[in-house]
């Protein structure tokens, strides 16, 4: 044990807020075999996206029996595929009790925390006019990172404080990430993850959509889905009602 007389006059740790983006798995029902097969298929579509990542189980759309909801099995299956279940979102009292017994964190249902925050702010401050968050990109408060060269396969570029601007193509096998929005002035062929710390107002802009994967605040689409709309054209990708929407960029 360390000699306490030699320890500095300061606490051994500090608690700070952390804005971390989590992927939510919306569970419809639970059958161990079906669950693992579906999970394996998703991982095969985007292996690097899930590896060693935190996951929460969303129960807002769960329609199965509570007696079939085995969190220990869910945790075990996910661990076999290098995914870490950290908590449960939503659910009724019995479902949340089962999650607590499995040592999982409990998160409020989607939108509930925002409603509570808005009510608290309304009680503390006079109402003010608010912009439409679905149409106004979120201000990340940080300086944009500008990359002047193409991003080659195998490279990863991260803008931890704000937007990421790339004045060239992002090649297949490359990965670009940003706290804020991502702007690619060329073809986007690799993976682009915007709003990685939960900024749902972030967007992805590119001159030609050819991406392996795009993601905003943990919501993602892979190449197969993207080819249905805006493929190889200039587009913006944004999050609306928890869905990624691809729309064309207006040309002057």
C-alpha atoms as a PDB file:
ATOM      1  CA  UNK A   1       0.000   0.000   0.000  1.00  0.00           C
ATOM      2  CA  UNK A   2       1.434   3.446  -0.836  1.00  0.00           C
ATOM      3  CA  UNK A   3       2.678   5.515   2.092  1.00  0.00           C
ATOM      4  CA  UNK A   4      -0.070   8.086   2.650  1.00  0.00           C
ATOM      5  CA  UNK A   5       2.451  10.537   4.080  1.00  0.00           C
ATOM      6  CA  UNK A   6       4.137  10.775   0.672  1.00  0.00           C
ATOM      7  CA  UNK A   7       0.962  11.339  -1.291  1.00  0.00           C
ATOM      8  CA  UNK A   8       0.306  14.830  -2.729  1.00  0.00           C
ATOM      9  CA  UNK A   9      -2.448  16.911  -1.187  1.00  0.00           C
ATOM     10  CA  UNK A  10      -4.954  16.199  -3.945  1.00  0.00           C
ATOM     11  CA  UNK A  11      -7.728  13.655  -4.615  1.00  0.00           C
ATOM     12  CA  UNK A  12      -6.830  10.444  -6.435  1.00  0.00           C
ATOM     13  CA  UNK A  13      -9.454  11.121  -9.145  1.00  0.00           C
ATOM     14  CA  UNK A  14     -11.764  13.788 -10.536  1.00  0.00           C
ATOM     15  CA  UNK A  15     -15.240  13.424 -11.996  1.00  0.00           C
ATOM     16  CA  UNK A  16     -15.917  15.217 -15.271  1.00  0.00           C
ATOM     17  CA  UNK A  17     -18.802  15.142 -17.715  1.00  0.00           C
ATOM     18  CA  UNK A  18     -18.150  13.064 -20.840  1.00  0.00           C
ATOM     19  CA  UNK A  19     -20.172  13.403 -24.019  1.00  0.00           C
ATOM     20  CA  UNK A  20     -19.765   9.976 -25.627  1.00  0.00           C
ATOM     21  CA  UNK A  21     -21.640   8.671 -28.633  1.00  0.00           C
ATOM     22  CA  UNK A  22     -23.296   5.291 -28.059  1.00  0.00           C
ATOM     23  CA  UNK A  23     -24.861   2.975 -30.606  1.00  0.00           C
ATOM     24  CA  UNK A  24     -28.372   1.813 -29.712  1.00  0.00           C
ATOM     25  CA  UNK A  25     -29.667  -1.615 -30.717  1.00  0.00           C
ATOM     26  CA  UNK A  26     -33.471  -1.421 -30.987  1.00  0.00           C
ATOM     27  CA  UNK A  27     -34.662  -4.824 -29.834  1.00  0.00           C
ATOM     28  CA  UNK A  28     -37.980  -6.033 -31.271  1.00  0.00           C
ATOM     29  CA  UNK A  29     -37.953  -9.469 -29.608  1.00  0.00           C
ATOM     30  CA  UNK A  30     -35.265 -11.770 -28.267  1.00  0.00           C
ATOM     31  CA  UNK A  31     -34.393 -15.236 -29.499  1.00  0.00           C
ATOM     32  CA  UNK A  32     -30.757 -16.155 -28.925  1.00  0.00           C
ATOM     33  CA  UNK A  33     -30.250 -17.855 -32.299  1.00  0.00           C
ATOM     34  CA  UNK A  34     -32.009 -15.149 -34.318  1.00  0.00           C
ATOM     35  CA  UNK A  35     -30.226 -12.424 -32.369  1.00  0.00           C
ATOM     36  CA  UNK A  36     -26.737 -13.806 -32.958  1.00  0.00           C
ATOM     37  CA  UNK A  37     -27.384 -14.461 -36.645  1.00  0.00           C
ATOM     38  CA  UNK A  38     -28.685 -10.908 -37.208  1.00  0.00           C
ATOM     39  CA  UNK A  39     -25.795  -9.459 -35.215  1.00  0.00           C
ATOM     40  CA  UNK A  40     -23.248 -11.428 -37.232  1.00  0.00           C
ATOM     41  CA  UNK A  41     -24.755 -10.147 -40.488  1.00  0.00           C
ATOM     42  CA  UNK A  42     -24.573  -6.520 -39.294  1.00  0.00           C
ATOM     43  CA  UNK A  43     -20.976  -6.912 -38.211  1.00  0.00           C
ATOM     44  CA  UNK A  44     -20.019  -8.408 -41.567  1.00  0.00           C
ATOM     45  CA  UNK A  45     -21.414  -5.311 -43.281  1.00  0.00           C
ATOM     46  CA  UNK A  46     -19.184  -2.933 -41.282  1.00  0.00           C
ATOM     47  CA  UNK A  47     -16.684  -4.870 -39.127  1.00  0.00           C
ATOM     48  CA  UNK A  48     -14.627  -1.944 -37.841  1.00  0.00           C
ATOM     49  CA  UNK A  49     -17.667   0.086 -36.811  1.00  0.00           C
ATOM     50  CA  UNK A  50     -18.677  -2.347 -34.042  1.00  0.00           C
ATOM     51  CA  UNK A  51     -15.332  -3.719 -32.810  1.00  0.00           C
ATOM     52  CA  UNK A  52     -14.794  -3.014 -29.091  1.00  0.00           C
ATOM     53  CA  UNK A  53     -17.609  -0.472 -29.186  1.00  0.00           C
ATOM     54  CA  UNK A  54     -20.117   0.296 -26.398  1.00  0.00           C
ATOM     55  CA  UNK A  55     -23.750  -0.598 -27.060  1.00  0.00           C
ATOM     56  CA  UNK A  56     -27.041   0.128 -25.339  1.00  0.00           C
ATOM     57  CA  UNK A  57     -30.134  -2.014 -25.760  1.00  0.00           C
ATOM     58  CA  UNK A  58     -33.165   0.101 -26.625  1.00  0.00           C
ATOM     59  CA  UNK A  59     -36.471  -1.374 -25.434  1.00  0.00           C
ATOM     60  CA  UNK A  60     -38.866   1.287 -26.716  1.00  0.00           C
ATOM     61  CA  UNK A  61     -40.008  -1.014 -29.534  1.00  0.00           C
ATOM     62  CA  UNK A  62     -39.687  -4.340 -27.726  1.00  0.00           C
ATOM     63  CA  UNK A  63     -42.750  -6.529 -28.378  1.00  0.00           C
ATOM     64  CA  UNK A  64     -41.588  -9.849 -26.937  1.00  0.00           C
ATOM     65  CA  UNK A  65     -42.382 -11.369 -23.567  1.00  0.00           C
ATOM     66  CA  UNK A  66     -40.484 -10.108 -20.545  1.00  0.00           C
ATOM     67  CA  UNK A  67     -39.774 -13.739 -19.637  1.00  0.00           C
ATOM     68  CA  UNK A  68     -37.828 -14.116 -22.924  1.00  0.00           C
ATOM     69  CA  UNK A  69     -35.647 -11.083 -22.244  1.00  0.00           C
ATOM     70  CA  UNK A  70     -32.350 -12.623 -21.090  1.00  0.00           C
ATOM     71  CA  UNK A  71     -29.781  -9.861 -20.693  1.00  0.00           C
ATOM     72  CA  UNK A  72     -27.084 -12.314 -19.621  1.00  0.00           C
ATOM     73  CA  UNK A  73     -27.438 -14.117 -22.957  1.00  0.00           C
ATOM     74  CA  UNK A  74     -27.453 -10.818 -24.859  1.00  0.00           C
ATOM     75  CA  UNK A  75     -24.292  -9.683 -23.080  1.00  0.00           C
ATOM     76  CA  UNK A  76     -22.576 -13.017 -23.757  1.00  0.00           C
ATOM     77  CA  UNK A  77     -23.442 -13.043 -27.461  1.00  0.00           C
ATOM     78  CA  UNK A  78     -22.242  -9.481 -27.908  1.00  0.00           C
ATOM     79  CA  UNK A  79     -18.990 -10.166 -26.070  1.00  0.00           C
ATOM     80  CA  UNK A  80     -18.253 -13.076 -28.390  1.00  0.00           C
ATOM     81  CA  UNK A  81     -18.365 -10.537 -31.203  1.00  0.00           C
ATOM     82  CA  UNK A  82     -16.245  -7.953 -29.309  1.00  0.00           C
ATOM     83  CA  UNK A  83     -19.188  -5.662 -28.547  1.00  0.00           C
ATOM     84  CA  UNK A  84     -19.749  -4.394 -25.003  1.00  0.00           C
ATOM     85  CA  UNK A  85     -23.318  -3.915 -23.759  1.00  0.00           C
ATOM     86  CA  UNK A  86     -23.213  -1.102 -21.207  1.00  0.00           C
ATOM     87  CA  UNK A  87     -26.853  -0.313 -20.542  1.00  0.00           C
ATOM     88  CA  UNK A  88     -30.539  -0.352 -21.385  1.00  0.00           C
ATOM     89  CA  UNK A  89     -32.672   2.521 -22.663  1.00  0.00           C
ATOM     90  CA  UNK A  90     -36.384   2.718 -21.926  1.00  0.00           C
ATOM     91  CA  UNK A  91     -38.400  -0.339 -20.965  1.00  0.00           C
ATOM     92  CA  UNK A  92     -40.994  -0.985 -18.290  1.00  0.00           C
ATOM     93  CA  UNK A  93     -40.271  -1.506 -14.596  1.00  0.00           C
ATOM     94  CA  UNK A  94     -39.881  -5.299 -14.900  1.00  0.00           C
ATOM     95  CA  UNK A  95     -37.544  -5.007 -17.886  1.00  0.00           C
ATOM     96  CA  UNK A  96     -35.400  -2.409 -16.136  1.00  0.00           C
ATOM     97  CA  UNK A  97     -35.263  -4.605 -13.027  1.00  0.00           C
ATOM     98  CA  UNK A  98     -33.920  -7.462 -15.169  1.00  0.00           C
ATOM     99  CA  UNK A  99     -31.342  -5.108 -16.651  1.00  0.00           C
ATOM    100  CA  UNK A 100     -30.296  -3.944 -13.182  1.00  0.00           C
ATOM    101  CA  UNK A 101     -29.777  -7.566 -12.099  1.00  0.00           C
ATOM    102  CA  UNK A 102     -27.434  -7.965 -15.087  1.00  0.00           C
ATOM    103  CA  UNK A 103     -25.428  -4.952 -13.816  1.00  0.00           C
ATOM    104  CA  UNK A 104     -26.413  -2.781 -16.771  1.00  0.00           C
ATOM    105  CA  UNK A 105     -26.785   0.987 -16.595  1.00  0.00           C
ATOM    106  CA  UNK A 106     -30.301   2.385 -16.980  1.00  0.00           C
ATOM    107  CA  UNK A 107     -30.934   5.199 -19.469  1.00  0.00           C
ATOM    108  CA  UNK A 108     -34.203   7.129 -19.883  1.00  0.00           C
ATOM    109  CA  UNK A 109     -36.324   6.521 -22.960  1.00  0.00           C
ATOM    110  CA  UNK A 110     -35.297   8.453 -26.072  1.00  0.00           C
ATOM    111  CA  UNK A 111     -36.327  12.083 -25.738  1.00  0.00           C
ATOM    112  CA  UNK A 112     -37.178  11.865 -22.038  1.00  0.00           C
ATOM    113  CA  UNK A 113     -33.918  13.419 -20.857  1.00  0.00           C
ATOM    114  CA  UNK A 114     -34.304  16.260 -23.365  1.00  0.00           C
ATOM    115  CA  UNK A 115     -37.870  16.879 -22.188  1.00  0.00           C
ATOM    116  CA  UNK A 116     -36.708  17.009 -18.567  1.00  0.00           C
ATOM    117  CA  UNK A 117     -33.917  19.435 -19.452  1.00  0.00           C
ATOM    118  CA  UNK A 118     -36.279  21.688 -21.379  1.00  0.00           C
ATOM    119  CA  UNK A 119     -38.715  21.779 -18.473  1.00  0.00           C
ATOM    120  CA  UNK A 120     -35.912  22.721 -16.081  1.00  0.00           C
ATOM    121  CA  UNK A 121     -34.687  25.472 -18.397  1.00  0.00           C
ATOM    122  CA  UNK A 122     -38.201  26.810 -18.867  1.00  0.00           C
ATOM    123  CA  UNK A 123     -38.616  27.094 -15.101  1.00  0.00           C
ATOM    124  CA  UNK A 124     -35.286  28.900 -14.706  1.00  0.00           C
ATOM    125  CA  UNK A 125     -35.303  31.260 -17.697  1.00  0.00           C
ATOM    126  CA  UNK A 126     -37.835  33.228 -19.750  1.00  0.00           C
ATOM    127  CA  UNK A 127     -38.747  31.597 -23.058  1.00  0.00           C
ATOM    128  CA  UNK A 128     -36.690  32.555 -26.100  1.00  0.00           C
ATOM    129  CA  UNK A 129     -37.200  31.964 -29.801  1.00  0.00           C
ATOM    130  CA  UNK A 130     -35.463  28.756 -30.905  1.00  0.00           C
ATOM    131  CA  UNK A 131     -34.240  27.739 -34.339  1.00  0.00           C
ATOM    132  CA  UNK A 132     -35.498  24.561 -35.919  1.00  0.00           C
ATOM    133  CA  UNK A 133     -32.811  22.047 -34.878  1.00  0.00           C
ATOM    134  CA  UNK A 134     -33.769  19.680 -37.684  1.00  0.00           C
ATOM    135  CA  UNK A 135     -32.805  22.303 -40.250  1.00  0.00           C
ATOM    136  CA  UNK A 136     -29.935  24.112 -38.476  1.00  0.00           C
ATOM    137  CA  UNK A 137     -26.596  22.315 -38.086  1.00  0.00           C
ATOM    138  CA  UNK A 138     -25.419  22.149 -34.500  1.00  0.00           C
ATOM    139  CA  UNK A 139     -22.631  24.527 -33.478  1.00  0.00           C
ATOM    140  CA  UNK A 140     -19.749  22.416 -32.198  1.00  0.00           C
ATOM    141  CA  UNK A 141     -17.924  25.422 -30.761  1.00  0.00           C
ATOM    142  CA  UNK A 142     -14.536  24.300 -32.080  1.00  0.00           C
ATOM    143  CA  UNK A 143     -12.184  25.283 -34.864  1.00  0.00           C
ATOM    144  CA  UNK A 144     -12.482  23.354 -38.121  1.00  0.00           C
ATOM    145  CA  UNK A 145      -9.663  21.050 -39.140  1.00  0.00           C
ATOM    146  CA  UNK A 146      -8.666  21.422 -42.801  1.00  0.00           C
ATOM    147  CA  UNK A 147      -6.905  18.637 -44.718  1.00  0.00           C
ATOM    148  CA  UNK A 148      -5.262  19.796 -47.945  1.00  0.00           C
ATOM    149  CA  UNK A 149      -4.384  16.386 -49.394  1.00  0.00           C
ATOM    150  CA  UNK A 150      -6.355  13.259 -50.393  1.00  0.00           C
ATOM    151  CA  UNK A 151      -7.016  10.787 -47.572  1.00  0.00           C
ATOM    152  CA  UNK A 152      -5.465   7.489 -48.637  1.00  0.00           C
ATOM    153  CA  UNK A 153      -6.641   3.945 -47.896  1.00  0.00           C
ATOM    154  CA  UNK A 154      -5.696   2.925 -44.365  1.00  0.00           C
ATOM    155  CA  UNK A 155      -5.502   6.510 -43.089  1.00  0.00           C
ATOM    156  CA  UNK A 156      -7.691   7.865 -40.301  1.00  0.00           C
ATOM    157  CA  UNK A 157      -8.287  11.603 -39.865  1.00  0.00           C
ATOM    158  CA  UNK A 158     -10.053  12.893 -36.740  1.00  0.00           C
ATOM    159  CA  UNK A 159     -11.260  16.396 -35.899  1.00  0.00           C
ATOM    160  CA  UNK A 160     -11.937  16.175 -32.130  1.00  0.00           C
ATOM    161  CA  UNK A 161     -12.999  19.790 -31.605  1.00  0.00           C
ATOM    162  CA  UNK A 162     -15.221  20.763 -34.556  1.00  0.00           C
ATOM    163  CA  UNK A 163     -15.796  20.272 -38.273  1.00  0.00           C
ATOM    164  CA  UNK A 164     -13.502  18.419 -40.666  1.00  0.00           C
ATOM    165  CA  UNK A 165     -12.884  19.884 -44.132  1.00  0.00           C
ATOM    166  CA  UNK A 166     -11.087  17.738 -46.733  1.00  0.00           C
ATOM    167  CA  UNK A 167     -10.005  19.407 -49.982  1.00  0.00           C
ATOM    168  CA  UNK A 168      -9.771  16.187 -51.947  1.00  0.00           C
ATOM    169  CA  UNK A 169     -11.088  12.623 -52.141  1.00  0.00           C
ATOM    170  CA  UNK A 170     -11.422  10.142 -49.309  1.00  0.00           C
ATOM    171  CA  UNK A 171     -10.297   6.826 -50.762  1.00  0.00           C
ATOM    172  CA  UNK A 172     -11.841   3.418 -50.047  1.00  0.00           C
ATOM    173  CA  UNK A 173     -10.413   1.969 -46.850  1.00  0.00           C
ATOM    174  CA  UNK A 174      -9.869   5.415 -45.286  1.00  0.00           C
ATOM    175  CA  UNK A 175     -11.806   6.732 -42.296  1.00  0.00           C
ATOM    176  CA  UNK A 176     -12.632  10.331 -41.401  1.00  0.00           C
ATOM    177  CA  UNK A 177     -14.257  11.340 -38.117  1.00  0.00           C
ATOM    178  CA  UNK A 178     -15.343  14.641 -36.592  1.00  0.00           C
ATOM    179  CA  UNK A 179     -17.037  16.017 -33.532  1.00  0.00           C
ATOM    180  CA  UNK A 180     -18.980  18.252 -35.911  1.00  0.00           C
ATOM    181  CA  UNK A 181     -19.774  18.060 -39.627  1.00  0.00           C
ATOM    182  CA  UNK A 182     -17.618  16.605 -42.393  1.00  0.00           C
ATOM    183  CA  UNK A 183     -17.094  18.393 -45.729  1.00  0.00           C
ATOM    184  CA  UNK A 184     -15.419  16.434 -48.543  1.00  0.00           C
ATOM    185  CA  UNK A 185     -14.600  18.432 -51.681  1.00  0.00           C
ATOM    186  CA  UNK A 186     -14.218  15.321 -53.780  1.00  0.00           C
ATOM    187  CA  UNK A 187     -15.510  11.735 -53.884  1.00  0.00           C
ATOM    188  CA  UNK A 188     -16.227  10.128 -50.523  1.00  0.00           C
ATOM    189  CA  UNK A 189     -15.311   6.449 -50.984  1.00  0.00           C
ATOM    190  CA  UNK A 190     -14.252   5.489 -47.476  1.00  0.00           C
ATOM    191  CA  UNK A 191     -16.012   5.808 -44.128  1.00  0.00           C
ATOM    192  CA  UNK A 192     -17.241   9.117 -42.693  1.00  0.00           C
ATOM    193  CA  UNK A 193     -18.443   9.444 -39.099  1.00  0.00           C
ATOM    194  CA  UNK A 194     -19.739  12.872 -38.062  1.00  0.00           C
ATOM    195  CA  UNK A 195     -21.077  13.968 -34.679  1.00  0.00           C
ATOM    196  CA  UNK A 196     -19.043  11.226 -32.996  1.00  0.00           C
ATOM    197  CA  UNK A 197     -19.710  12.675 -29.535  1.00  0.00           C
ATOM    198  CA  UNK A 198     -23.457  12.694 -29.982  1.00  0.00           C
ATOM    199  CA  UNK A 199     -23.982  15.893 -32.001  1.00  0.00           C
ATOM    200  CA  UNK A 200     -27.181  14.982 -33.847  1.00  0.00           C
ATOM    201  CA  UNK A 201     -27.095  18.299 -35.751  1.00  0.00           C
ATOM    202  CA  UNK A 202     -23.854  17.386 -37.542  1.00  0.00           C
ATOM    203  CA  UNK A 203     -23.943  16.700 -41.293  1.00  0.00           C
ATOM    204  CA  UNK A 204     -21.840  15.093 -43.993  1.00  0.00           C
ATOM    205  CA  UNK A 205     -21.302  16.917 -47.306  1.00  0.00           C
ATOM    206  CA  UNK A 206     -19.507  15.434 -50.317  1.00  0.00           C
ATOM    207  CA  UNK A 207     -19.157  16.031 -54.048  1.00  0.00           C
ATOM    208  CA  UNK A 208     -19.714  12.367 -54.925  1.00  0.00           C
ATOM    209  CA  UNK A 209     -21.272   9.830 -52.550  1.00  0.00           C
ATOM    210  CA  UNK A 210     -19.466   6.493 -52.976  1.00  0.00           C
ATOM    211  CA  UNK A 211     -18.982   5.723 -49.294  1.00  0.00           C
ATOM    212  CA  UNK A 212     -18.469   2.416 -47.565  1.00  0.00           C
ATOM    213  CA  UNK A 213     -20.299   3.817 -44.533  1.00  0.00           C
ATOM    214  CA  UNK A 214     -21.641   7.135 -43.261  1.00  0.00           C
ATOM    215  CA  UNK A 215     -22.630   7.799 -39.669  1.00  0.00           C
ATOM    216  CA  UNK A 216     -24.026  10.710 -37.665  1.00  0.00           C
ATOM    217  CA  UNK A 217     -24.208  10.492 -33.859  1.00  0.00           C
ATOM    218  CA  UNK A 218     -24.066   6.692 -34.000  1.00  0.00           C
ATOM    219  CA  UNK A 219     -26.740   6.257 -36.693  1.00  0.00           C
ATOM    220  CA  UNK A 220     -25.230   4.745 -39.813  1.00  0.00           C
ATOM    221  CA  UNK A 221     -25.842   3.490 -43.341  1.00  0.00           C
ATOM    222  CA  UNK A 222     -23.585   1.205 -45.341  1.00  0.00           C
ATOM    223  CA  UNK A 223     -22.787   1.259 -49.059  1.00  0.00           C
ATOM    224  CA  UNK A 224     -25.616  -1.095 -49.987  1.00  0.00           C
ATOM    225  CA  UNK A 225     -28.206   1.242 -48.434  1.00  0.00           C
ATOM    226  CA  UNK A 226     -26.598   4.407 -49.806  1.00  0.00           C
ATOM    227  CA  UNK A 227     -26.761   3.228 -53.412  1.00  0.00           C
ATOM    228  CA  UNK A 228     -30.537   3.593 -53.315  1.00  0.00           C
ATOM    229  CA  UNK A 229     -30.398   7.396 -53.200  1.00  0.00           C
ATOM    230  CA  UNK A 230     -27.883   9.987 -54.393  1.00  0.00           C
ATOM    231  CA  UNK A 231     -25.138   7.533 -55.303  1.00  0.00           C
ATOM    232  CA  UNK A 232     -22.191   9.172 -57.097  1.00  0.00           C
ATOM    233  CA  UNK A 233     -23.775  12.625 -56.873  1.00  0.00           C
ATOM    234  CA  UNK A 234     -23.180  15.687 -54.679  1.00  0.00           C
ATOM    235  CA  UNK A 235     -25.225  15.224 -51.485  1.00  0.00           C
ATOM    236  CA  UNK A 236     -25.607  16.105 -47.852  1.00  0.00           C
ATOM    237  CA  UNK A 237     -26.412  13.542 -45.168  1.00  0.00           C
ATOM    238  CA  UNK A 238     -28.292  14.610 -42.052  1.00  0.00           C
ATOM    239  CA  UNK A 239     -30.206  13.072 -39.171  1.00  0.00           C
ATOM    240  CA  UNK A 240     -33.972  13.586 -39.036  1.00  0.00           C
ATOM    241  CA  UNK A 241     -36.175  11.789 -36.518  1.00  0.00           C
ATOM    242  CA  UNK A 242     -33.386   9.263 -35.820  1.00  0.00           C
ATOM    243  CA  UNK A 243     -33.090   8.430 -39.531  1.00  0.00           C
ATOM    244  CA  UNK A 244     -30.224   9.303 -41.873  1.00  0.00           C
ATOM    245  CA  UNK A 245     -31.543  11.287 -44.816  1.00  0.00           C
ATOM    246  CA  UNK A 246     -29.551  11.781 -48.042  1.00  0.00           C
ATOM    247  CA  UNK A 247     -30.485  14.817 -50.136  1.00  0.00           C
ATOM    248  CA  UNK A 248     -28.893  16.478 -53.185  1.00  0.00           C
ATOM    249  CA  UNK A 249     -26.772  19.574 -52.835  1.00  0.00           C
ATOM    250  CA  UNK A 250     -28.300  22.541 -54.589  1.00  0.00           C
ATOM    251  CA  UNK A 251     -26.230  23.829 -57.515  1.00  0.00           C
ATOM    252  CA  UNK A 252     -26.082  27.522 -58.373  1.00  0.00           C
END
